[in-house]
């Protein structure tokens, strides 16, 4: 059975990007959604030495299988110094070693949020290129700026134009995975 996989590119227990993913997943109807809280998944830093000595971490192999079994992915990436976090890059590095085609032809709704006015747009752009390099089909991207001002855990996206844009792009993603 196909499902949608949702996760954030952050391993923070208070990840605002995970909150955005969880909210987005709550809007999905007529599809099974499997949410992964990456704060519960730690991985060693990738190195060829580690890989030669110990192979691929079981959790990465499991994540790779989850990705490959998904009809689509809802992903929100955080931003550290205008780039995706080292954690997210490390996950991608590991996944590409397990299977270079780990995300090929998989539809992705790629999002980002931050407390700032740009809404992690730099990280979003880098992540879009990175995922596309491995064959992902990024159907839509969405940036939520000023997270504390524009999001409420109970109400979701507060800004009406941003909420409408998010809903339109989510629907486009859902149409693409049908």
N, C-alpha and C. Protein backbone atom coordinates (compact mmCIF):
# COMPACT_ATOMS: atom_id res chain seq x y z
N UNK A 1 0.85 -1.19 0.00
CA UNK A 1 0.00 0.00 0.00
C UNK A 1 0.88 1.24 0.00
N UNK A 2 0.60 2.15 -0.88
CA UNK A 2 1.33 3.41 -0.92
C UNK A 2 0.86 4.34 0.18
N UNK A 3 1.75 5.15 0.60
CA UNK A 3 1.45 6.13 1.64
C UNK A 3 2.29 7.36 1.38
N UNK A 4 2.00 8.40 2.14
CA UNK A 4 2.80 9.62 2.09
C UNK A 4 3.69 9.62 3.32
N UNK A 5 4.95 9.88 3.13
CA UNK A 5 5.91 9.98 4.23
C UNK A 5 6.13 11.45 4.54
N UNK A 6 6.05 11.81 5.81
CA UNK A 6 6.29 13.18 6.22
C UNK A 6 7.38 13.26 7.26
N UNK A 7 8.33 14.17 7.06
CA UNK A 7 9.36 14.40 8.06
C UNK A 7 10.02 15.75 7.82
N UNK A 8 10.75 16.20 8.82
CA UNK A 8 11.49 17.45 8.73
C UNK A 8 12.98 17.14 8.63
N UNK A 9 13.72 18.05 8.07
CA UNK A 9 15.17 17.89 7.96
C UNK A 9 15.88 18.33 9.22
N UNK A 10 15.21 18.26 10.33
CA UNK A 10 15.74 18.73 11.61
C UNK A 10 15.65 17.62 12.65
N UNK A 11 16.63 17.57 13.52
CA UNK A 11 16.59 16.61 14.62
C UNK A 11 16.32 17.30 15.96
N UNK A 12 15.79 18.49 15.92
CA UNK A 12 15.46 19.23 17.13
C UNK A 12 14.13 18.75 17.70
N UNK A 13 14.08 18.58 19.01
CA UNK A 13 12.83 18.16 19.65
C UNK A 13 11.78 19.26 19.61
N UNK A 14 12.18 20.48 19.31
CA UNK A 14 11.24 21.60 19.21
C UNK A 14 11.17 22.16 17.79
N UNK A 15 11.42 21.31 16.82
CA UNK A 15 11.50 21.73 15.42
C UNK A 15 10.22 22.39 14.91
N UNK A 16 10.35 23.62 14.46
CA UNK A 16 9.21 24.30 13.86
C UNK A 16 8.91 23.71 12.48
N UNK A 17 9.92 23.16 11.84
CA UNK A 17 9.70 22.52 10.55
C UNK A 17 8.89 21.23 10.71
N UNK A 18 9.14 20.50 11.78
CA UNK A 18 8.32 19.32 12.05
C UNK A 18 6.88 19.73 12.36
N UNK A 19 6.71 20.84 13.06
CA UNK A 19 5.35 21.34 13.33
C UNK A 19 4.63 21.65 12.01
N UNK A 20 5.35 22.22 11.06
CA UNK A 20 4.75 22.53 9.76
C UNK A 20 4.41 21.24 9.02
N UNK A 21 5.27 20.25 9.07
CA UNK A 21 5.00 18.96 8.43
C UNK A 21 3.78 18.30 9.06
N UNK A 22 3.74 18.28 10.39
CA UNK A 22 2.62 17.66 11.10
C UNK A 22 1.30 18.34 10.74
N UNK A 23 1.31 19.68 10.69
CA UNK A 23 0.11 20.42 10.28
C UNK A 23 -0.28 20.05 8.86
N UNK A 24 0.67 20.06 7.95
CA UNK A 24 0.40 19.75 6.54
C UNK A 24 -0.18 18.35 6.42
N UNK A 25 0.40 17.39 7.14
CA UNK A 25 -0.10 16.01 7.10
C UNK A 25 -1.53 15.92 7.62
N UNK A 26 -1.87 16.77 8.58
CA UNK A 26 -3.23 16.74 9.14
C UNK A 26 -4.28 17.17 8.12
N UNK A 27 -3.86 17.85 7.06
CA UNK A 27 -4.78 18.31 6.02
C UNK A 27 -5.02 17.26 4.94
N UNK A 28 -4.19 16.23 4.94
CA UNK A 28 -4.27 15.20 3.90
C UNK A 28 -5.44 14.26 4.21
N UNK A 29 -6.27 14.08 3.22
CA UNK A 29 -7.39 13.15 3.34
C UNK A 29 -7.28 12.08 2.27
N UNK A 30 -7.86 10.93 2.52
CA UNK A 30 -7.89 9.81 1.57
C UNK A 30 -6.51 9.26 1.23
N UNK A 31 -5.56 9.48 2.12
CA UNK A 31 -4.21 8.92 1.98
C UNK A 31 -3.70 8.59 3.36
N UNK A 32 -2.97 7.50 3.46
CA UNK A 32 -2.29 7.18 4.71
C UNK A 32 -1.03 8.05 4.80
N UNK A 33 -0.78 8.63 5.95
CA UNK A 33 0.42 9.44 6.14
C UNK A 33 1.24 8.84 7.28
N UNK A 34 2.50 8.61 7.01
CA UNK A 34 3.44 8.10 8.00
C UNK A 34 4.36 9.26 8.39
N UNK A 35 4.22 9.77 9.61
CA UNK A 35 5.05 10.87 10.09
C UNK A 35 6.26 10.32 10.85
N UNK A 36 7.43 10.84 10.52
CA UNK A 36 8.65 10.50 11.25
C UNK A 36 9.14 11.73 11.98
N UNK A 37 9.32 11.62 13.27
CA UNK A 37 9.90 12.70 14.05
C UNK A 37 11.40 12.43 14.11
N UNK A 38 12.16 13.18 13.33
CA UNK A 38 13.59 12.91 13.21
C UNK A 38 14.36 13.18 14.50
N UNK A 39 13.76 13.85 15.46
CA UNK A 39 14.40 14.05 16.77
C UNK A 39 14.61 12.71 17.46
N UNK A 40 13.89 11.71 17.03
CA UNK A 40 14.00 10.37 17.62
C UNK A 40 14.96 9.47 16.84
N UNK A 41 15.60 10.04 15.82
CA UNK A 41 16.49 9.27 14.95
C UNK A 41 17.86 9.95 14.86
N UNK A 42 18.83 9.34 15.47
CA UNK A 42 20.19 9.89 15.36
C UNK A 42 21.01 8.97 14.46
N UNK A 43 21.90 9.58 13.74
CA UNK A 43 22.75 8.84 12.81
C UNK A 43 24.19 9.30 13.00
N UNK A 44 25.14 8.41 12.82
CA UNK A 44 26.53 8.86 12.90
C UNK A 44 26.84 9.77 11.72
N UNK A 45 27.84 10.61 11.89
CA UNK A 45 28.29 11.45 10.78
C UNK A 45 28.86 10.54 9.70
N UNK A 46 28.44 10.77 8.47
CA UNK A 46 28.92 9.92 7.39
C UNK A 46 30.42 10.05 7.22
N UNK A 47 31.06 8.91 7.05
CA UNK A 47 32.45 8.86 6.61
C UNK A 47 32.67 7.52 5.92
N UNK A 48 33.55 7.51 4.94
CA UNK A 48 33.85 6.27 4.24
C UNK A 48 34.45 5.25 5.20
N UNK A 49 35.24 5.73 6.17
CA UNK A 49 35.83 4.81 7.15
C UNK A 49 34.75 4.11 7.97
N UNK A 50 33.78 4.89 8.43
CA UNK A 50 32.67 4.29 9.20
C UNK A 50 31.94 3.28 8.34
N UNK A 51 31.66 3.66 7.11
CA UNK A 51 30.91 2.78 6.20
C UNK A 51 31.67 1.48 5.95
N UNK A 52 33.00 1.55 5.75
CA UNK A 52 33.80 0.35 5.52
C UNK A 52 33.84 -0.55 6.76
N UNK A 53 33.95 0.07 7.93
CA UNK A 53 34.08 -0.70 9.16
C UNK A 53 32.75 -1.27 9.64
N UNK A 54 31.67 -0.51 9.49
CA UNK A 54 30.40 -0.91 10.11
C UNK A 54 29.23 -1.03 9.14
N UNK A 55 29.42 -0.61 7.90
CA UNK A 55 28.31 -0.67 6.95
C UNK A 55 27.35 0.50 7.14
N UNK A 56 26.14 0.31 6.68
CA UNK A 56 25.11 1.35 6.76
C UNK A 56 24.32 1.19 8.05
N UNK A 57 24.09 2.28 8.77
CA UNK A 57 23.27 2.20 9.99
C UNK A 57 21.88 1.65 9.67
N UNK A 58 21.38 0.77 10.53
CA UNK A 58 20.06 0.17 10.31
C UNK A 58 18.97 1.22 10.15
N UNK A 59 19.05 2.30 10.92
CA UNK A 59 18.02 3.34 10.85
C UNK A 59 18.02 4.03 9.48
N UNK A 60 19.17 4.16 8.86
CA UNK A 60 19.25 4.76 7.52
C UNK A 60 18.67 3.81 6.48
N UNK A 61 18.97 2.53 6.61
CA UNK A 61 18.42 1.54 5.69
C UNK A 61 16.89 1.54 5.80
N UNK A 62 16.39 1.60 7.02
CA UNK A 62 14.95 1.66 7.24
C UNK A 62 14.34 2.92 6.64
N UNK A 63 14.98 4.07 6.83
CA UNK A 63 14.49 5.32 6.25
C UNK A 63 14.48 5.23 4.73
N UNK A 64 15.51 4.65 4.15
CA UNK A 64 15.58 4.49 2.70
C UNK A 64 14.40 3.66 2.19
N UNK A 65 14.09 2.59 2.89
CA UNK A 65 12.94 1.74 2.50
C UNK A 65 11.63 2.51 2.64
N UNK A 66 11.50 3.31 3.70
CA UNK A 66 10.30 4.13 3.89
C UNK A 66 10.14 5.12 2.74
N UNK A 67 11.22 5.74 2.33
CA UNK A 67 11.18 6.70 1.23
C UNK A 67 10.78 6.00 -0.06
N UNK A 68 11.41 4.86 -0.33
CA UNK A 68 11.15 4.16 -1.58
C UNK A 68 9.76 3.56 -1.64
N UNK A 69 9.14 3.31 -0.48
CA UNK A 69 7.79 2.77 -0.46
C UNK A 69 6.71 3.83 -0.49
N UNK A 70 7.10 5.07 -0.42
CA UNK A 70 6.12 6.17 -0.34
C UNK A 70 5.67 6.61 -1.73
N UNK A 71 4.39 6.96 -1.81
CA UNK A 71 3.87 7.55 -3.04
C UNK A 71 4.36 8.98 -3.19
N UNK A 72 4.64 9.62 -2.06
CA UNK A 72 5.13 10.98 -2.06
C UNK A 72 5.66 11.34 -0.69
N UNK A 73 6.37 12.46 -0.63
CA UNK A 73 7.00 12.90 0.61
C UNK A 73 6.63 14.35 0.89
N UNK A 74 6.24 14.60 2.12
CA UNK A 74 6.06 15.97 2.62
C UNK A 74 7.27 16.24 3.50
N UNK A 75 8.08 17.21 3.12
CA UNK A 75 9.35 17.47 3.78
C UNK A 75 9.51 18.96 4.03
N UNK A 76 9.93 19.31 5.23
CA UNK A 76 10.24 20.71 5.53
C UNK A 76 11.67 20.77 6.08
N UNK A 77 12.47 21.64 5.48
CA UNK A 77 13.88 21.74 5.85
C UNK A 77 14.15 23.00 6.65
N UNK A 78 14.98 22.84 7.65
CA UNK A 78 15.37 24.00 8.45
C UNK A 78 16.59 24.66 7.81
N UNK A 79 16.99 25.78 8.39
CA UNK A 79 18.10 26.54 7.82
C UNK A 79 19.09 26.92 8.90
N UNK A 80 20.34 26.62 8.64
CA UNK A 80 21.45 27.05 9.49
C UNK A 80 22.42 27.82 8.61
N UNK A 81 22.60 29.08 8.88
CA UNK A 81 23.54 29.91 8.11
C UNK A 81 23.27 29.83 6.61
N UNK A 82 22.02 29.98 6.23
CA UNK A 82 21.57 30.03 4.83
C UNK A 82 21.69 28.71 4.09
N UNK A 83 21.82 27.61 4.80
CA UNK A 83 21.91 26.29 4.18
C UNK A 83 21.09 25.30 4.99
N UNK A 84 20.80 24.13 4.38
CA UNK A 84 20.15 23.09 5.17
C UNK A 84 21.06 22.70 6.34
N UNK A 85 20.47 22.20 7.38
CA UNK A 85 21.26 21.80 8.55
C UNK A 85 22.24 20.68 8.20
N UNK A 86 23.31 20.60 8.96
CA UNK A 86 24.28 19.52 8.80
C UNK A 86 23.60 18.17 9.01
N UNK A 87 22.62 18.13 9.90
CA UNK A 87 21.88 16.89 10.14
C UNK A 87 21.21 16.41 8.86
N UNK A 88 20.48 17.31 8.18
CA UNK A 88 19.78 16.93 6.96
C UNK A 88 20.76 16.51 5.88
N UNK A 89 21.82 17.27 5.71
CA UNK A 89 22.84 16.91 4.70
C UNK A 89 23.44 15.55 5.01
N UNK A 90 23.67 15.26 6.28
CA UNK A 90 24.21 13.96 6.68
C UNK A 90 23.24 12.83 6.33
N UNK A 91 21.96 13.04 6.58
CA UNK A 91 20.95 12.04 6.23
C UNK A 91 20.98 11.78 4.73
N UNK A 92 21.03 12.82 3.93
CA UNK A 92 21.08 12.67 2.47
C UNK A 92 22.35 11.93 2.06
N UNK A 93 23.48 12.29 2.67
CA UNK A 93 24.74 11.60 2.34
C UNK A 93 24.62 10.11 2.60
N UNK A 94 24.09 9.73 3.75
CA UNK A 94 23.91 8.31 4.09
C UNK A 94 22.94 7.64 3.12
N UNK A 95 21.80 8.26 2.88
CA UNK A 95 20.80 7.66 2.00
C UNK A 95 21.37 7.40 0.61
N UNK A 96 22.17 8.33 0.11
CA UNK A 96 22.75 8.17 -1.22
C UNK A 96 23.78 7.04 -1.27
N UNK A 97 24.32 6.66 -0.13
CA UNK A 97 25.26 5.54 -0.08
C UNK A 97 24.52 4.21 -0.01
N UNK A 98 23.36 4.20 0.62
CA UNK A 98 22.56 2.97 0.68
C UNK A 98 22.05 2.65 -0.72
N UNK A 99 21.53 3.67 -1.40
CA UNK A 99 21.01 3.50 -2.75
C UNK A 99 21.04 4.86 -3.44
N UNK A 100 21.85 4.98 -4.44
CA UNK A 100 22.00 6.26 -5.16
C UNK A 100 20.65 6.79 -5.66
N UNK A 101 19.73 5.87 -5.93
CA UNK A 101 18.41 6.24 -6.45
C UNK A 101 17.34 6.23 -5.36
N UNK A 102 17.74 6.52 -4.13
CA UNK A 102 16.84 6.41 -2.99
C UNK A 102 15.56 7.23 -3.12
N UNK A 103 15.58 8.27 -3.93
CA UNK A 103 14.40 9.14 -4.03
C UNK A 103 13.99 9.39 -5.49
N UNK A 104 14.59 8.64 -6.40
CA UNK A 104 14.32 8.83 -7.83
C UNK A 104 12.83 8.66 -8.13
N UNK A 105 12.29 9.60 -8.87
CA UNK A 105 10.90 9.61 -9.32
C UNK A 105 9.88 9.73 -8.19
N UNK A 106 10.32 10.09 -7.01
CA UNK A 106 9.41 10.29 -5.88
C UNK A 106 8.97 11.74 -5.86
N UNK A 107 7.66 11.94 -5.75
CA UNK A 107 7.11 13.29 -5.69
C UNK A 107 7.32 13.86 -4.29
N UNK A 108 7.75 15.12 -4.23
CA UNK A 108 8.05 15.77 -2.96
C UNK A 108 7.38 17.14 -2.89
N UNK A 109 6.68 17.37 -1.77
CA UNK A 109 6.20 18.72 -1.44
C UNK A 109 7.23 19.25 -0.46
N UNK A 110 8.07 20.16 -0.92
CA UNK A 110 9.21 20.67 -0.16
C UNK A 110 8.88 22.02 0.46
N UNK A 111 9.03 22.08 1.76
CA UNK A 111 8.71 23.30 2.50
C UNK A 111 9.89 23.71 3.37
N UNK A 112 9.80 24.92 3.89
CA UNK A 112 10.78 25.42 4.86
C UNK A 112 10.12 26.53 5.66
N UNK A 113 10.54 26.65 6.90
CA UNK A 113 10.10 27.77 7.73
C UNK A 113 11.22 28.18 8.66
N UNK A 114 11.12 29.40 9.11
CA UNK A 114 12.09 29.93 10.08
C UNK A 114 11.42 31.10 10.80
N UNK A 115 12.10 31.60 11.79
CA UNK A 115 11.60 32.76 12.50
C UNK A 115 11.81 34.05 11.73
N UNK A 116 12.63 34.02 10.72
CA UNK A 116 12.96 35.22 9.96
C UNK A 116 12.00 35.54 8.83
N UNK A 117 12.24 36.68 8.21
CA UNK A 117 11.37 37.19 7.15
C UNK A 117 11.47 36.41 5.84
N UNK A 118 12.59 35.70 5.65
CA UNK A 118 12.76 34.96 4.39
C UNK A 118 12.24 33.53 4.47
N UNK A 119 11.90 33.05 5.66
CA UNK A 119 11.30 31.73 5.77
C UNK A 119 12.18 30.60 5.28
N UNK A 120 13.49 30.71 5.53
CA UNK A 120 14.46 29.66 5.15
C UNK A 120 14.50 29.42 3.64
N UNK A 121 14.28 30.47 2.86
CA UNK A 121 14.27 30.32 1.41
C UNK A 121 15.60 29.83 0.84
N UNK A 122 16.70 30.23 1.45
CA UNK A 122 18.01 29.77 0.95
C UNK A 122 18.14 28.26 1.11
N UNK A 123 17.75 27.76 2.27
CA UNK A 123 17.78 26.32 2.51
C UNK A 123 16.83 25.59 1.57
N UNK A 124 15.69 26.17 1.33
CA UNK A 124 14.70 25.59 0.42
C UNK A 124 15.29 25.44 -0.98
N UNK A 125 15.96 26.47 -1.46
CA UNK A 125 16.56 26.43 -2.79
C UNK A 125 17.66 25.38 -2.89
N UNK A 126 18.53 25.33 -1.89
CA UNK A 126 19.61 24.35 -1.88
C UNK A 126 19.04 22.94 -1.83
N UNK A 127 18.05 22.73 -0.97
CA UNK A 127 17.45 21.41 -0.81
C UNK A 127 16.73 20.96 -2.07
N UNK A 128 16.07 21.88 -2.75
CA UNK A 128 15.39 21.57 -4.01
C UNK A 128 16.41 21.04 -5.02
N UNK A 129 17.52 21.73 -5.16
CA UNK A 129 18.57 21.29 -6.09
C UNK A 129 19.17 19.96 -5.67
N UNK A 130 19.40 19.79 -4.38
CA UNK A 130 20.01 18.56 -3.86
C UNK A 130 19.10 17.36 -4.12
N UNK A 131 17.84 17.48 -3.77
CA UNK A 131 16.91 16.37 -3.96
C UNK A 131 16.70 16.07 -5.44
N UNK A 132 16.60 17.12 -6.25
CA UNK A 132 16.43 16.93 -7.69
C UNK A 132 17.64 16.22 -8.30
N UNK A 133 18.80 16.47 -7.76
CA UNK A 133 20.02 15.80 -8.24
C UNK A 133 19.92 14.29 -8.10
N UNK A 134 19.20 13.85 -7.07
CA UNK A 134 19.04 12.42 -6.84
C UNK A 134 17.75 11.89 -7.47
N UNK A 135 17.10 12.69 -8.29
CA UNK A 135 15.97 12.22 -9.06
C UNK A 135 14.61 12.49 -8.47
N UNK A 136 14.54 13.19 -7.34
CA UNK A 136 13.24 13.54 -6.77
C UNK A 136 12.50 14.47 -7.72
N UNK A 137 11.19 14.39 -7.69
CA UNK A 137 10.35 15.30 -8.46
C UNK A 137 9.69 16.24 -7.46
N UNK A 138 10.28 17.41 -7.31
CA UNK A 138 9.74 18.40 -6.38
C UNK A 138 8.55 19.07 -7.08
N UNK A 139 7.36 18.69 -6.64
CA UNK A 139 6.15 19.19 -7.31
C UNK A 139 5.88 20.64 -6.96
N UNK A 140 6.17 21.00 -5.71
CA UNK A 140 5.91 22.35 -5.23
C UNK A 140 6.84 22.67 -4.08
N UNK A 141 7.10 23.97 -3.90
CA UNK A 141 7.84 24.43 -2.73
C UNK A 141 7.00 25.48 -2.02
N UNK A 142 7.20 25.56 -0.71
CA UNK A 142 6.46 26.53 0.10
C UNK A 142 7.36 27.02 1.23
N UNK A 143 7.41 28.33 1.39
CA UNK A 143 8.19 28.95 2.45
C UNK A 143 7.25 29.70 3.39
N UNK A 144 7.38 29.42 4.68
CA UNK A 144 6.59 30.13 5.69
C UNK A 144 7.51 31.03 6.49
N UNK A 145 7.47 32.34 6.24
CA UNK A 145 8.32 33.26 7.00
C UNK A 145 7.71 33.56 8.37
N UNK A 146 8.53 34.08 9.26
CA UNK A 146 8.04 34.55 10.56
C UNK A 146 7.19 33.52 11.28
N UNK A 147 7.72 32.34 11.49
CA UNK A 147 6.94 31.24 12.04
C UNK A 147 6.13 31.64 13.27
N UNK A 148 6.73 32.31 14.23
CA UNK A 148 6.03 32.66 15.48
C UNK A 148 4.84 33.58 15.23
N UNK A 149 4.91 34.41 14.20
CA UNK A 149 3.82 35.32 13.88
C UNK A 149 2.77 34.71 12.96
N UNK A 150 3.16 33.72 12.18
CA UNK A 150 2.29 33.20 11.13
C UNK A 150 1.79 31.78 11.34
N UNK A 151 2.09 31.19 12.50
CA UNK A 151 1.67 29.80 12.73
C UNK A 151 1.22 29.62 14.17
N UNK A 152 0.16 28.87 14.33
CA UNK A 152 -0.34 28.49 15.65
C UNK A 152 -0.53 26.98 15.64
N UNK A 153 -0.05 26.31 16.67
CA UNK A 153 -0.09 24.86 16.71
C UNK A 153 -1.52 24.31 16.59
N UNK A 154 -2.50 25.04 17.08
CA UNK A 154 -3.89 24.59 17.00
C UNK A 154 -4.61 25.07 15.75
N UNK A 155 -4.24 26.24 15.24
CA UNK A 155 -4.95 26.83 14.11
C UNK A 155 -4.21 26.65 12.78
N UNK A 156 -2.92 26.40 12.82
CA UNK A 156 -2.15 26.26 11.59
C UNK A 156 -1.61 27.59 11.10
N UNK A 157 -1.60 27.76 9.80
CA UNK A 157 -1.06 28.98 9.19
C UNK A 157 -2.08 30.10 9.36
N UNK A 158 -1.65 31.18 10.00
CA UNK A 158 -2.56 32.27 10.36
C UNK A 158 -2.75 33.29 9.25
N UNK A 159 -1.71 33.57 8.51
CA UNK A 159 -1.78 34.55 7.43
C UNK A 159 -2.63 33.99 6.29
N UNK A 160 -3.72 34.66 5.95
CA UNK A 160 -4.68 34.14 4.98
C UNK A 160 -4.06 33.89 3.60
N UNK A 161 -3.31 34.83 3.02
CA UNK A 161 -2.69 34.54 1.71
C UNK A 161 -1.70 33.37 1.78
N UNK A 162 -0.91 33.30 2.85
CA UNK A 162 0.03 32.18 2.98
C UNK A 162 -0.71 30.86 3.15
N UNK A 163 -1.78 30.86 3.91
CA UNK A 163 -2.58 29.64 4.10
C UNK A 163 -3.17 29.18 2.77
N UNK A 164 -3.64 30.12 1.97
CA UNK A 164 -4.21 29.78 0.66
C UNK A 164 -3.14 29.23 -0.28
N UNK A 165 -1.95 29.85 -0.26
CA UNK A 165 -0.84 29.35 -1.08
C UNK A 165 -0.45 27.94 -0.67
N UNK A 166 -0.34 27.71 0.63
CA UNK A 166 0.01 26.39 1.16
C UNK A 166 -1.02 25.35 0.72
N UNK A 167 -2.31 25.67 0.88
CA UNK A 167 -3.37 24.74 0.51
C UNK A 167 -3.33 24.41 -0.99
N UNK A 168 -3.09 25.42 -1.81
CA UNK A 168 -3.03 25.22 -3.26
C UNK A 168 -1.86 24.30 -3.63
N UNK A 169 -0.72 24.54 -3.01
CA UNK A 169 0.47 23.74 -3.33
C UNK A 169 0.35 22.32 -2.77
N UNK A 170 -0.26 22.16 -1.62
CA UNK A 170 -0.50 20.82 -1.09
C UNK A 170 -1.43 20.06 -2.04
N UNK A 171 -2.48 20.71 -2.51
CA UNK A 171 -3.40 20.05 -3.44
C UNK A 171 -2.69 19.66 -4.73
N UNK A 172 -1.82 20.51 -5.23
CA UNK A 172 -1.05 20.21 -6.42
C UNK A 172 -0.18 18.96 -6.21
N UNK A 173 0.45 18.89 -5.05
CA UNK A 173 1.25 17.70 -4.70
C UNK A 173 0.37 16.46 -4.66
N UNK A 174 -0.77 16.56 -4.00
CA UNK A 174 -1.67 15.40 -3.87
C UNK A 174 -2.18 14.96 -5.25
N UNK A 175 -2.47 15.92 -6.12
CA UNK A 175 -2.89 15.58 -7.48
C UNK A 175 -1.77 14.86 -8.22
N UNK A 176 -0.54 15.26 -7.99
CA UNK A 176 0.62 14.66 -8.68
C UNK A 176 0.86 13.21 -8.26
N UNK A 177 0.51 12.86 -7.03
CA UNK A 177 0.78 11.48 -6.60
C UNK A 177 -0.37 10.52 -6.91
N UNK A 178 -1.45 11.03 -7.44
CA UNK A 178 -2.58 10.15 -7.81
C UNK A 178 -2.28 9.36 -9.04
